[in-house]
C-alpha atoms as a PDB file:
ATOM      1  CA  UNK A   1     156.676 287.204  18.646  1.00  0.00           C
ATOM      2  CA  UNK A   2     158.316 290.453  16.739  1.00  0.00           C
ATOM      3  CA  UNK A   3     161.144 292.524  17.737  1.00  0.00           C
ATOM      4  CA  UNK A   4     163.641 295.336  16.429  1.00  0.00           C
ATOM      5  CA  UNK A   5     167.323 295.485  17.007  1.00  0.00           C
ATOM      6  CA  UNK A   6     170.080 298.420  15.719  1.00  0.00           C
ATOM      7  CA  UNK A   7     173.505 297.487  15.111  1.00  0.00           C
ATOM      8  CA  UNK A   8     176.255 299.709  14.746  1.00  0.00           C
ATOM      9  CA  UNK A   9     178.353 300.153  11.541  1.00  0.00           C
ATOM     10  CA  UNK A  10     182.180 299.366  11.147  1.00  0.00           C
ATOM     11  CA  UNK A  11     185.808 300.072  10.390  1.00  0.00           C
ATOM     12  CA  UNK A  12     187.084 296.247   9.324  1.00  0.00           C
ATOM     13  CA  UNK A  13     191.054 296.043   9.620  1.00  0.00           C
ATOM     14  CA  UNK A  14     191.486 299.280  11.206  1.00  0.00           C
ATOM     15  CA  UNK A  15     194.539 300.030   9.383  1.00  0.00           C
ATOM     16  CA  UNK A  16     197.244 296.667   9.986  1.00  0.00           C
ATOM     17  CA  UNK A  17     194.487 294.890  11.722  1.00  0.00           C
ATOM     18  CA  UNK A  18     193.764 292.704   8.714  1.00  0.00           C
ATOM     19  CA  UNK A  19     190.914 290.067   9.712  1.00  0.00           C
ATOM     20  CA  UNK A  20     191.528 291.190  13.320  1.00  0.00           C
ATOM     21  CA  UNK A  21     190.854 294.673  14.593  1.00  0.00           C
ATOM     22  CA  UNK A  22     187.277 296.279  14.047  1.00  0.00           C
ATOM     23  CA  UNK A  23     186.196 299.465  15.141  1.00  0.00           C
ATOM     24  CA  UNK A  24     182.470 300.214  15.579  1.00  0.00           C
ATOM     25  CA  UNK A  25     180.787 303.888  14.983  1.00  0.00           C
ATOM     26  CA  UNK A  26     178.079 305.412  16.576  1.00  0.00           C
ATOM     27  CA  UNK A  27     174.999 306.771  14.868  1.00  0.00           C
ATOM     28  CA  UNK A  28     175.201 305.016  11.923  1.00  0.00           C
ATOM     29  CA  UNK A  29     174.337 301.338  10.975  1.00  0.00           C
ATOM     30  CA  UNK A  30     171.360 298.894  10.555  1.00  0.00           C
ATOM     31  CA  UNK A  31     168.339 298.146  11.765  1.00  0.00           C
ATOM     32  CA  UNK A  32     165.920 295.177  11.233  1.00  0.00           C
ATOM     33  CA  UNK A  33     162.818 293.655  12.439  1.00  0.00           C
ATOM     34  CA  UNK A  34     162.181 290.153  12.315  1.00  0.00           C
ATOM     35  CA  UNK A  35     158.902 288.360  12.959  1.00  0.00           C
ATOM     36  CA  UNK A  36     158.347 284.590  13.825  1.00  0.00           C
ATOM     37  CA  UNK A  37     156.510 282.957  11.752  1.00  0.00           C
ATOM     38  CA  UNK A  38     155.256 278.730  10.661  1.00  0.00           C
ATOM     39  CA  UNK A  39     154.962 279.905   6.851  1.00  0.00           C
ATOM     40  CA  UNK A  40     158.271 280.322   4.684  1.00  0.00           C
ATOM     41  CA  UNK A  41     160.805 283.214   5.695  1.00  0.00           C
ATOM     42  CA  UNK A  42     160.719 286.134   3.519  1.00  0.00           C
ATOM     43  CA  UNK A  43     161.645 289.784   3.319  1.00  0.00           C
ATOM     44  CA  UNK A  44     158.664 291.822   4.245  1.00  0.00           C
ATOM     45  CA  UNK A  45     160.670 295.223   3.211  1.00  0.00           C
ATOM     46  CA  UNK A  46     164.055 297.074   2.778  1.00  0.00           C
ATOM     47  CA  UNK A  47     164.462 300.719   2.962  1.00  0.00           C
ATOM     48  CA  UNK A  48     167.106 303.536   3.269  1.00  0.00           C
ATOM     49  CA  UNK A  49     170.615 303.226   1.446  1.00  0.00           C
ATOM     50  CA  UNK A  50     171.070 301.277  -1.109  1.00  0.00           C
ATOM     51  CA  UNK A  51     167.738 299.509  -0.654  1.00  0.00           C
ATOM     52  CA  UNK A  52     167.186 298.773  -4.278  1.00  0.00           C
ATOM     53  CA  UNK A  53     170.195 296.502  -4.280  1.00  0.00           C
ATOM     54  CA  UNK A  54     169.683 294.491  -1.108  1.00  0.00           C
ATOM     55  CA  UNK A  55     168.621 290.726  -2.238  1.00  0.00           C
ATOM     56  CA  UNK A  56     165.105 290.085  -1.414  1.00  0.00           C
ATOM     57  CA  UNK A  57     165.594 286.186  -1.432  1.00  0.00           C
ATOM     58  CA  UNK A  58     165.655 285.329   2.340  1.00  0.00           C
ATOM     59  CA  UNK A  59     168.226 282.594   1.390  1.00  0.00           C
ATOM     60  CA  UNK A  60     170.693 285.416  -0.061  1.00  0.00           C
ATOM     61  CA  UNK A  61     169.728 288.378   2.622  1.00  0.00           C
ATOM     62  CA  UNK A  62     172.296 288.299   5.606  1.00  0.00           C
ATOM     63  CA  UNK A  63     170.309 289.554   8.141  1.00  0.00           C
ATOM     64  CA  UNK A  64     167.413 286.374   7.310  1.00  0.00           C
ATOM     65  CA  UNK A  65     170.222 284.088   7.262  1.00  0.00           C
ATOM     66  CA  UNK A  66     171.414 284.916  10.295  1.00  0.00           C
ATOM     67  CA  UNK A  67     168.105 285.133  12.314  1.00  0.00           C
ATOM     68  CA  UNK A  68     167.323 281.755  11.151  1.00  0.00           C
ATOM     69  CA  UNK A  69     170.742 280.458  11.941  1.00  0.00           C
ATOM     70  CA  UNK A  70     170.303 281.971  15.705  1.00  0.00           C
ATOM     71  CA  UNK A  71     166.693 280.066  15.683  1.00  0.00           C
ATOM     72  CA  UNK A  72     168.074 276.803  14.477  1.00  0.00           C
ATOM     73  CA  UNK A  73     171.159 276.910  17.088  1.00  0.00           C
ATOM     74  CA  UNK A  74     168.638 277.681  19.743  1.00  0.00           C
ATOM     75  CA  UNK A  75     166.167 274.531  19.184  1.00  0.00           C
ATOM     76  CA  UNK A  76     163.697 276.993  17.301  1.00  0.00           C
ATOM     77  CA  UNK A  77     161.559 275.706  13.658  1.00  0.00           C
ATOM     78  CA  UNK A  78     159.978 278.757  13.335  1.00  0.00           C
ATOM     79  CA  UNK A  79     161.036 280.867   9.992  1.00  0.00           C
ATOM     80  CA  UNK A  80     161.103 284.555   9.955  1.00  0.00           C
ATOM     81  CA  UNK A  81     159.803 287.636   7.930  1.00  0.00           C
ATOM     82  CA  UNK A  82     162.403 290.269   7.929  1.00  0.00           C
ATOM     83  CA  UNK A  83     162.190 294.394   7.954  1.00  0.00           C
ATOM     84  CA  UNK A  84     165.166 295.949   7.009  1.00  0.00           C
ATOM     85  CA  UNK A  85     166.180 299.623   7.488  1.00  0.00           C
ATOM     86  CA  UNK A  86     169.826 300.249   6.043  1.00  0.00           C
ATOM     87  CA  UNK A  87     171.942 302.701   7.034  1.00  0.00           C
ATOM     88  CA  UNK A  88     175.052 301.413   5.661  1.00  0.00           C
ATOM     89  CA  UNK A  89     176.058 301.417   1.951  1.00  0.00           C
ATOM     90  CA  UNK A  90     176.228 298.017  -0.141  1.00  0.00           C
ATOM     91  CA  UNK A  91     179.516 297.154  -0.588  1.00  0.00           C
ATOM     92  CA  UNK A  92     180.862 300.271   1.179  1.00  0.00           C
ATOM     93  CA  UNK A  93     183.136 298.940   3.960  1.00  0.00           C
ATOM     94  CA  UNK A  94     181.295 299.824   6.907  1.00  0.00           C
ATOM     95  CA  UNK A  95     180.431 296.313   7.569  1.00  0.00           C
ATOM     96  CA  UNK A  96     176.812 296.548   6.181  1.00  0.00           C
ATOM     97  CA  UNK A  97     176.456 292.901   5.567  1.00  0.00           C
ATOM     98  CA  UNK A  98     177.889 292.161   9.200  1.00  0.00           C
ATOM     99  CA  UNK A  99     175.692 294.828  10.764  1.00  0.00           C
ATOM    100  CA  UNK A 100     172.523 293.439   9.101  1.00  0.00           C
ATOM    101  CA  UNK A 101     173.329 290.121   9.913  1.00  0.00           C
ATOM    102  CA  UNK A 102     174.003 290.849  13.742  1.00  0.00           C
ATOM    103  CA  UNK A 103     170.854 292.922  13.998  1.00  0.00           C
ATOM    104  CA  UNK A 104     168.945 289.843  12.251  1.00  0.00           C
ATOM    105  CA  UNK A 105     169.859 287.396  14.847  1.00  0.00           C
ATOM    106  CA  UNK A 106     169.776 289.527  17.848  1.00  0.00           C
ATOM    107  CA  UNK A 107     166.316 290.292  17.000  1.00  0.00           C
ATOM    108  CA  UNK A 108     165.172 287.246  16.299  1.00  0.00           C
ATOM    109  CA  UNK A 109     166.587 286.132  19.781  1.00  0.00           C
ATOM    110  CA  UNK A 110     164.709 288.941  21.068  1.00  0.00           C
ATOM    111  CA  UNK A 111     161.434 287.284  19.250  1.00  0.00           C
ATOM    112  CA  UNK A 112     162.380 284.146  20.592  1.00  0.00           C
ATOM    113  CA  UNK A 113     161.644 285.613  24.169  1.00  0.00           C
ATOM    114  CA  UNK A 114     165.797 285.415  24.751  1.00  0.00           C
ATOM    115  CA  UNK A 115     165.832 288.634  26.333  1.00  0.00           C
ATOM    116  CA  UNK A 116     169.768 288.304  27.229  1.00  0.00           C
ATOM    117  CA  UNK A 117     171.132 286.217  24.140  1.00  0.00           C
ATOM    118  CA  UNK A 118     174.843 285.610  24.372  1.00  0.00           C
ATOM    119  CA  UNK A 119     177.218 287.578  22.387  1.00  0.00           C
ATOM    120  CA  UNK A 120     178.904 284.668  21.401  1.00  0.00           C
ATOM    121  CA  UNK A 121     175.514 283.520  20.166  1.00  0.00           C
ATOM    122  CA  UNK A 122     174.986 286.080  17.791  1.00  0.00           C
ATOM    123  CA  UNK A 123     178.575 286.247  16.391  1.00  0.00           C
ATOM    124  CA  UNK A 124     178.089 282.238  15.680  1.00  0.00           C
ATOM    125  CA  UNK A 125     174.758 283.243  13.828  1.00  0.00           C
ATOM    126  CA  UNK A 126     176.118 286.437  12.045  1.00  0.00           C
ATOM    127  CA  UNK A 127     179.148 284.971  11.114  1.00  0.00           C
ATOM    128  CA  UNK A 128     176.944 282.080   9.140  1.00  0.00           C
ATOM    129  CA  UNK A 129     175.634 284.679   7.080  1.00  0.00           C
ATOM    130  CA  UNK A 130     178.934 286.795   6.778  1.00  0.00           C
ATOM    131  CA  UNK A 131     180.325 283.495   5.046  1.00  0.00           C
ATOM    132  CA  UNK A 132     177.237 283.482   2.583  1.00  0.00           C
ATOM    133  CA  UNK A 133     177.493 286.931   1.365  1.00  0.00           C
ATOM    134  CA  UNK A 134     181.020 288.268   2.112  1.00  0.00           C
ATOM    135  CA  UNK A 135     183.535 286.143   3.481  1.00  0.00           C
ATOM    136  CA  UNK A 136     184.422 284.031   6.373  1.00  0.00           C
ATOM    137  CA  UNK A 137     186.060 286.921   9.196  1.00  0.00           C
ATOM    138  CA  UNK A 138     185.052 288.348  12.147  1.00  0.00           C
ATOM    139  CA  UNK A 139     186.260 291.681  12.821  1.00  0.00           C
ATOM    140  CA  UNK A 140     183.101 293.730  11.385  1.00  0.00           C
ATOM    141  CA  UNK A 141     180.764 291.398  13.017  1.00  0.00           C
ATOM    142  CA  UNK A 142     182.726 291.306  16.710  1.00  0.00           C
ATOM    143  CA  UNK A 143     182.489 295.269  16.735  1.00  0.00           C
ATOM    144  CA  UNK A 144     178.977 295.148  15.665  1.00  0.00           C
ATOM    145  CA  UNK A 145     178.215 292.849  18.664  1.00  0.00           C
ATOM    146  CA  UNK A 146     180.328 294.045  21.243  1.00  0.00           C
ATOM    147  CA  UNK A 147     181.029 297.946  20.437  1.00  0.00           C
ATOM    148  CA  UNK A 148     184.011 299.599  20.680  1.00  0.00           C
ATOM    149  CA  UNK A 149     187.493 298.454  19.296  1.00  0.00           C
ATOM    150  CA  UNK A 150     187.347 294.586  19.335  1.00  0.00           C
ATOM    151  CA  UNK A 151     190.169 291.690  18.873  1.00  0.00           C
ATOM    152  CA  UNK A 152     189.097 289.269  16.670  1.00  0.00           C
ATOM    153  CA  UNK A 153     191.494 286.579  18.380  1.00  0.00           C
ATOM    154  CA  UNK A 154     190.563 283.278  16.739  1.00  0.00           C
ATOM    155  CA  UNK A 155     187.473 282.216  14.525  1.00  0.00           C
ATOM    156  CA  UNK A 156     187.525 278.565  14.808  1.00  0.00           C
ATOM    157  CA  UNK A 157     187.266 278.298  18.086  1.00  0.00           C
ATOM    158  CA  UNK A 158     185.039 282.215  17.899  1.00  0.00           C
ATOM    159  CA  UNK A 159     187.335 283.971  20.289  1.00  0.00           C
ATOM    160  CA  UNK A 160     186.566 287.955  20.680  1.00  0.00           C
ATOM    161  CA  UNK A 161     187.655 290.173  22.667  1.00  0.00           C
ATOM    162  CA  UNK A 162     186.380 293.957  23.228  1.00  0.00           C
ATOM    163  CA  UNK A 163     189.205 296.624  24.222  1.00  0.00           C
ATOM    164  CA  UNK A 164     187.879 299.811  26.301  1.00  0.00           C
ATOM    165  CA  UNK A 165     188.876 302.684  24.409  1.00  0.00           C
ATOM    166  CA  UNK A 166     190.570 305.275  26.740  1.00  0.00           C
ATOM    167  CA  UNK A 167     189.606 308.712  24.751  1.00  0.00           C
ATOM    168  CA  UNK A 168     186.373 310.051  23.488  1.00  0.00           C
ATOM    169  CA  UNK A 169     187.685 309.938  20.120  1.00  0.00           C
ATOM    170  CA  UNK A 170     185.526 310.387  16.964  1.00  0.00           C
ATOM    171  CA  UNK A 171     185.471 308.969  13.398  1.00  0.00           C
ATOM    172  CA  UNK A 172     185.530 310.829  10.174  1.00  0.00           C
ATOM    173  CA  UNK A 173     184.180 308.566   7.494  1.00  0.00           C
ATOM    174  CA  UNK A 174     184.006 309.167   3.681  1.00  0.00           C
ATOM    175  CA  UNK A 175     182.452 306.870   0.980  1.00  0.00           C
ATOM    176  CA  UNK A 176     182.981 308.248  -3.050  1.00  0.00           C
ATOM    177  CA  UNK A 177     180.738 307.066  -5.433  1.00  0.00           C
ATOM    178  CA  UNK A 178     182.572 303.603  -6.260  1.00  0.00           C
ATOM    179  CA  UNK A 179     181.583 299.898  -5.672  1.00  0.00           C
ATOM    180  CA  UNK A 180     183.806 297.541  -4.229  1.00  0.00           C
ATOM    181  CA  UNK A 181     182.784 294.013  -3.363  1.00  0.00           C
ATOM    182  CA  UNK A 182     184.400 292.700  -0.189  1.00  0.00           C
ATOM    183  CA  UNK A 183     185.350 288.997  -2.016  1.00  0.00           C
ATOM    184  CA  UNK A 184     186.906 290.805  -5.356  1.00  0.00           C
ATOM    185  CA  UNK A 185     188.883 293.231  -2.966  1.00  0.00           C
ATOM    186  CA  UNK A 186     189.756 290.061  -0.815  1.00  0.00           C
ATOM    187  CA  UNK A 187     190.984 288.208  -4.047  1.00  0.00           C
ATOM    188  CA  UNK A 188     193.437 290.648  -5.092  1.00  0.00           C
ATOM    189  CA  UNK A 189     195.604 289.930  -1.724  1.00  0.00           C
ATOM    190  CA  UNK A 190     198.260 287.672  -1.620  1.00  0.00           C
ATOM    191  CA  UNK A 191     198.173 284.474   0.188  1.00  0.00           C
ATOM    192  CA  UNK A 192     201.721 284.495   1.374  1.00  0.00           C
ATOM    193  CA  UNK A 193     203.941 287.365   2.805  1.00  0.00           C
ATOM    194  CA  UNK A 194     207.621 287.675   3.225  1.00  0.00           C
ATOM    195  CA  UNK A 195     208.778 287.954   7.053  1.00  0.00           C
ATOM    196  CA  UNK A 196     209.906 291.226   7.723  1.00  0.00           C
ATOM    197  CA  UNK A 197     206.644 292.695   6.483  1.00  0.00           C
ATOM    198  CA  UNK A 198     204.440 290.961   8.533  1.00  0.00           C
ATOM    199  CA  UNK A 199     206.753 291.401  11.824  1.00  0.00           C
ATOM    200  CA  UNK A 200     206.076 295.115  10.752  1.00  0.00           C
ATOM    201  CA  UNK A 201     202.760 294.736  10.211  1.00  0.00           C
ATOM    202  CA  UNK A 202     202.014 293.068  13.870  1.00  0.00           C
ATOM    203  CA  UNK A 203     204.172 295.687  15.703  1.00  0.00           C
ATOM    204  CA  UNK A 204     201.637 298.533  13.871  1.00  0.00           C
ATOM    205  CA  UNK A 205     198.435 296.404  14.981  1.00  0.00           C
ATOM    206  CA  UNK A 206     199.791 295.875  18.397  1.00  0.00           C
ATOM    207  CA  UNK A 207     201.199 299.040  18.800  1.00  0.00           C
ATOM    208  CA  UNK A 208     197.509 300.453  17.228  1.00  0.00           C
ATOM    209  CA  UNK A 209     195.665 298.420  19.610  1.00  0.00           C
ATOM    210  CA  UNK A 210     197.815 299.822  22.903  1.00  0.00           C
ATOM    211  CA  UNK A 211     197.027 303.367  21.197  1.00  0.00           C
ATOM    212  CA  UNK A 212     193.643 303.001  21.498  1.00  0.00           C
ATOM    213  CA  UNK A 213     193.974 301.595  24.912  1.00  0.00           C
ATOM    214  CA  UNK A 214     196.028 304.665  26.103  1.00  0.00           C
ATOM    215  CA  UNK A 215     193.887 307.312  24.354  1.00  0.00           C
ATOM    216  CA  UNK A 216     197.601 308.221  22.841  1.00  0.00           C
ATOM    217  CA  UNK A 217     196.819 309.698  19.422  1.00  0.00           C
ATOM    218  CA  UNK A 218     200.270 310.434  18.562  1.00  0.00           C
ATOM    219  CA  UNK A 219     201.327 306.674  18.444  1.00  0.00           C
ATOM    220  CA  UNK A 220     197.914 305.808  16.876  1.00  0.00           C
ATOM    221  CA  UNK A 221     199.261 308.004  13.877  1.00  0.00           C
ATOM    222  CA  UNK A 222     202.538 306.315  13.651  1.00  0.00           C
ATOM    223  CA  UNK A 223     200.990 303.086  13.764  1.00  0.00           C
ATOM    224  CA  UNK A 224     197.660 303.125  11.525  1.00  0.00           C
ATOM    225  CA  UNK A 225     200.133 301.928   9.027  1.00  0.00           C
ATOM    226  CA  UNK A 226     198.958 299.190   6.538  1.00  0.00           C
ATOM    227  CA  UNK A 227     201.564 297.304   4.705  1.00  0.00           C
ATOM    228  CA  UNK A 228     199.622 294.343   3.290  1.00  0.00           C
ATOM    229  CA  UNK A 229     196.311 295.158   1.756  1.00  0.00           C
ATOM    230  CA  UNK A 230     196.560 298.869   1.675  1.00  0.00           C
ATOM    231  CA  UNK A 231     198.875 299.530  -1.082  1.00  0.00           C
ATOM    232  CA  UNK A 232     196.834 297.198  -3.484  1.00  0.00           C
ATOM    233  CA  UNK A 233     193.289 298.496  -2.813  1.00  0.00           C
ATOM    234  CA  UNK A 234     194.287 302.036  -2.844  1.00  0.00           C
ATOM    235  CA  UNK A 235     194.511 301.657  -6.721  1.00  0.00           C
ATOM    236  CA  UNK A 236     191.053 300.756  -6.287  1.00  0.00           C
ATOM    237  CA  UNK A 237     189.815 303.858  -4.918  1.00  0.00           C
ATOM    238  CA  UNK A 238     190.637 307.509  -6.983  1.00  0.00           C
ATOM    239  CA  UNK A 239     192.351 309.868  -5.138  1.00  0.00           C
ATOM    240  CA  UNK A 240     192.810 307.380  -2.066  1.00  0.00           C
ATOM    241  CA  UNK A 241     196.348 308.719  -1.405  1.00  0.00           C
ATOM    242  CA  UNK A 242     195.546 312.673  -1.479  1.00  0.00           C
ATOM    243  CA  UNK A 243     192.443 311.434   0.875  1.00  0.00           C
ATOM    244  CA  UNK A 244     194.559 310.384   3.499  1.00  0.00           C
ATOM    245  CA  UNK A 245     197.226 313.346   3.344  1.00  0.00           C
ATOM    246  CA  UNK A 246     194.128 315.743   3.712  1.00  0.00           C
ATOM    247  CA  UNK A 247     192.722 314.365   6.884  1.00  0.00           C
ATOM    248  CA  UNK A 248     196.184 314.366   8.641  1.00  0.00           C
ATOM    249  CA  UNK A 249     196.178 318.141   7.582  1.00  0.00           C
ATOM    250  CA  UNK A 250     193.120 318.494   8.756  1.00  0.00           C
ATOM    251  CA  UNK A 251     193.994 317.407  12.123  1.00  0.00           C
ATOM    252  CA  UNK A 252     193.486 313.936  12.203  1.00  0.00           C
ATOM    253  CA  UNK A 253     195.758 311.297  13.837  1.00  0.00           C
ATOM    254  CA  UNK A 254     195.817 309.069  10.994  1.00  0.00           C
ATOM    255  CA  UNK A 255     193.299 307.890   7.956  1.00  0.00           C
ATOM    256  CA  UNK A 256     193.486 304.429   6.048  1.00  0.00           C
ATOM    257  CA  UNK A 257     191.078 302.449   3.806  1.00  0.00           C
ATOM    258  CA  UNK A 258     187.606 301.155   6.084  1.00  0.00           C
ATOM    259  CA  UNK A 259     187.484 297.118   5.143  1.00  0.00           C
ATOM    260  CA  UNK A 260     187.458 296.684   1.753  1.00  0.00           C
ATOM    261  CA  UNK A 261     186.879 299.853   0.812  1.00  0.00           C
ATOM    262  CA  UNK A 262     185.853 302.445  -0.812  1.00  0.00           C
ATOM    263  CA  UNK A 263     184.850 304.476   2.604  1.00  0.00           C
ATOM    264  CA  UNK A 264     187.847 306.132   3.899  1.00  0.00           C
ATOM    265  CA  UNK A 265     188.138 306.950   7.498  1.00  0.00           C
ATOM    266  CA  UNK A 266     190.026 309.001  10.123  1.00  0.00           C
ATOM    267  CA  UNK A 267     190.234 309.042  13.671  1.00  0.00           C
ATOM    268  CA  UNK A 268     190.263 312.444  15.601  1.00  0.00           C
ATOM    269  CA  UNK A 269     190.098 313.945  18.813  1.00  0.00           C
ATOM    270  CA  UNK A 270     187.059 315.460  18.774  1.00  0.00           C
ATOM    271  CA  UNK A 271     184.022 316.181  16.866  1.00  0.00           C
ATOM    272  CA  UNK A 272     185.212 319.615  15.181  1.00  0.00           C
ATOM    273  CA  UNK A 273     188.661 317.765  13.998  1.00  0.00           C
ATOM    274  CA  UNK A 274     186.319 314.824  12.586  1.00  0.00           C
ATOM    275  CA  UNK A 275     184.046 317.008  11.039  1.00  0.00           C
ATOM    276  CA  UNK A 276     187.155 319.188   9.253  1.00  0.00           C
ATOM    277  CA  UNK A 277     188.514 315.553   8.208  1.00  0.00           C
ATOM    278  CA  UNK A 278     185.115 314.961   6.719  1.00  0.00           C
ATOM    279  CA  UNK A 279     185.196 318.159   4.741  1.00  0.00           C
ATOM    280  CA  UNK A 280     189.009 317.845   3.735  1.00  0.00           C
ATOM    281  CA  UNK A 281     188.676 314.145   2.467  1.00  0.00           C
ATOM    282  CA  UNK A 282     185.535 314.838   0.327  1.00  0.00           C
ATOM    283  CA  UNK A 283     187.563 318.066  -1.139  1.00  0.00           C
ATOM    284  CA  UNK A 284     190.586 315.543  -1.899  1.00  0.00           C
ATOM    285  CA  UNK A 285     187.989 313.281  -4.040  1.00  0.00           C
ATOM    286  CA  UNK A 286     187.744 316.159  -6.295  1.00  0.00           C
ATOM    287  CA  UNK A 287     184.825 315.752  -8.788  1.00  0.00           C
ATOM    288  CA  UNK A 288     184.228 312.410  -7.885  1.00  0.00           C
ATOM    289  CA  UNK A 289     180.860 312.731  -5.500  1.00  0.00           C
ATOM    290  CA  UNK A 290     181.156 311.504  -2.172  1.00  0.00           C
ATOM    291  CA  UNK A 291     179.116 311.364   1.182  1.00  0.00           C
ATOM    292  CA  UNK A 292     180.519 311.858   4.343  1.00  0.00           C
ATOM    293  CA  UNK A 293     179.542 311.348   8.380  1.00  0.00           C
ATOM    294  CA  UNK A 294     181.319 312.279  11.470  1.00  0.00           C
ATOM    295  CA  UNK A 295     180.339 310.210  14.556  1.00  0.00           C
ATOM    296  CA  UNK A 296     181.961 308.690  18.169  1.00  0.00           C
ATOM    297  CA  UNK A 297     183.246 305.716  18.593  1.00  0.00           C
ATOM    298  CA  UNK A 298     180.813 303.267  19.800  1.00  0.00           C
ATOM    299  CA  UNK A 299     180.732 302.444  22.983  1.00  0.00           C
ATOM    300  CA  UNK A 300     177.666 299.803  22.719  1.00  0.00           C
ATOM    301  CA  UNK A 301     177.326 297.260  20.251  1.00  0.00           C
ATOM    302  CA  UNK A 302     173.726 295.613  18.778  1.00  0.00           C
ATOM    303  CA  UNK A 303     170.724 296.386  21.047  1.00  0.00           C
ATOM    304  CA  UNK A 304     167.142 296.444  21.171  1.00  0.00           C
ATOM    305  CA  UNK A 305     165.290 299.711  19.541  1.00  0.00           C
END
């Protein structure tokens, strides 16, 4: 009674869509194996990126919390033995805690012989975990569950919508050697905002969503403009503005901060442009060490492996 699931990493906010838009990226993510047990829940192993920093206490580990949440919501009293293979950095801005939670919930469902768990049930369980470790928001979770571009229309009740991306675009992701915790990055943001600013932010978010749905790269470049979080969070990421400029000069449609950062993302029309953007962005970080990844927008979300 064990199963393994993979959940792709994701870009939270996607520029102006704070806590609303999410974008899944193929080929990079977290893999979680869940085995049911009548004993106490425990973390069997953690390997991969930042493995030494992942909590070994099941009550503080997002994959285990989500797995148990799915089981309890579906009338199961089993506990879990969890093994995690991390492909995403801790506090890297690519939805690492969300991906582990989504994969944990999905693997728990498969272990309980639920071959086709509903997206809603996985989102509910993953949200319980994300709320405990990073904050109550759906943007990364929805993208990891549904794939592609997603809109988190409501969190209570949960209403997440998948948007079909019309073009085979690629994403460049560059992560500098800086650690930014999601909760800390959220704490610096204002609770209230002038009306003229949120009207423009709403316009940018709607236009950006249409750009993905229509495959309009030029509109995407104009709309990937965050007036709310990025001006404050850019100060937490050395050379942030230079990196954005370098990505666009390399041919990307636009560039922004992925989630809370420090990862920067750029959307490009092709693999070649995405890889050129990765190189240019890394160069713009100067002496600051960084890692880069280029991958297509994920057409699928969480899946059994």
